[in-house]
Protein backbone atom coordinates (compact mmCIF):
# COMPACT_ATOMS: atom_id res chain seq x y z
CA MET A 1 -72.24 -36.05 73.66
CA ILE A 2 -70.36 -39.35 73.37
CA LYS A 3 -68.99 -40.21 69.96
CA VAL A 4 -68.43 -43.90 69.19
CA LEU A 5 -65.10 -44.30 67.42
CA LYS A 6 -65.04 -48.09 67.32
CA GLU A 7 -67.99 -50.24 68.37
CA GLU A 8 -67.31 -53.58 70.08
CA GLN A 9 -69.69 -56.38 71.00
CA VAL A 10 -71.33 -55.89 74.40
CA PRO A 11 -70.53 -58.64 76.92
CA ARG A 12 -73.48 -60.88 77.83
CA ALA A 13 -74.06 -63.71 80.28
CA GLU A 14 -76.46 -66.61 80.67
CA ILE A 15 -78.48 -67.37 83.78
CA THR A 16 -81.32 -69.72 84.67
CA CYS A 17 -84.43 -68.24 86.28
CA SER A 18 -84.80 -69.79 89.74
CA ASN A 19 -88.60 -69.62 89.48
CA CYS A 20 -89.53 -70.97 86.03
CA GLY A 21 -86.23 -72.56 84.95
CA SER A 22 -85.95 -70.60 81.70
CA LEU A 23 -82.43 -70.09 80.33
CA LEU A 24 -81.95 -66.35 79.84
CA GLU A 25 -79.23 -64.17 78.33
CA TYR A 26 -78.70 -60.64 79.64
CA GLY A 27 -76.33 -57.70 79.40
CA ASN A 28 -75.50 -54.88 81.79
CA ALA A 29 -78.06 -52.58 80.14
CA ASP A 30 -80.80 -55.02 81.24
CA LEU A 31 -79.87 -54.74 84.93
CA TYR A 32 -81.54 -52.68 87.63
CA GLU A 33 -79.70 -51.75 90.80
CA ARG A 34 -81.13 -52.17 94.29
CA HIS A 35 -79.37 -50.90 97.40
CA ASP A 36 -79.83 -53.09 100.45
CA TYR A 37 -79.24 -51.26 103.72
CA ILE A 38 -78.20 -52.91 106.94
CA TYR A 39 -78.52 -50.76 110.07
CA GLY A 40 -75.49 -48.49 110.44
CA THR A 41 -73.91 -49.26 107.06
CA THR A 42 -73.95 -47.79 103.60
CA GLY A 43 -76.06 -49.41 100.91
CA ILE A 44 -74.79 -52.54 99.20
CA ALA A 45 -75.68 -52.59 95.50
CA ASN A 46 -77.33 -55.71 94.13
CA HIS A 47 -78.19 -56.18 90.47
CA TYR A 48 -81.28 -57.86 89.07
CA PHE A 49 -83.63 -57.99 86.08
CA VAL A 50 -87.19 -59.19 85.64
CA CYS A 51 -87.65 -62.57 83.96
CA PRO A 52 -89.58 -61.99 80.71
CA VAL A 53 -91.26 -65.40 81.06
CA CYS A 54 -92.63 -65.40 84.62
CA GLY A 55 -92.06 -61.83 85.88
CA VAL A 56 -89.94 -62.75 88.91
CA GLU A 57 -86.86 -60.67 89.87
CA VAL A 58 -83.68 -62.59 88.99
CA ASN A 59 -80.51 -61.66 90.89
CA ALA A 60 -77.67 -61.31 88.41
CA SER A 61 -74.03 -60.27 88.39
CA TRP A 62 -72.54 -57.35 86.50
CA VAL A 63 -71.04 -58.77 83.30
CA VAL A 64 -67.29 -58.12 82.87
CA LYS A 65 -65.72 -58.61 79.45
CA GLU A 66 -63.10 -61.37 79.57
């Protein structure tokens, strides 16, 4: 079991949905991972989430705390 000794704010990012144009804020916990395979290679991980407005998959980057 993980014990939280000091809680910090989770990093978040903003992105615009390419389908409906809504401005969205997301964090890493919102992301799903998809592995795209090209013949003869290992899977390349791509991250995405589903837009809560229009339901389209939005490609998004992993958020790194600055």
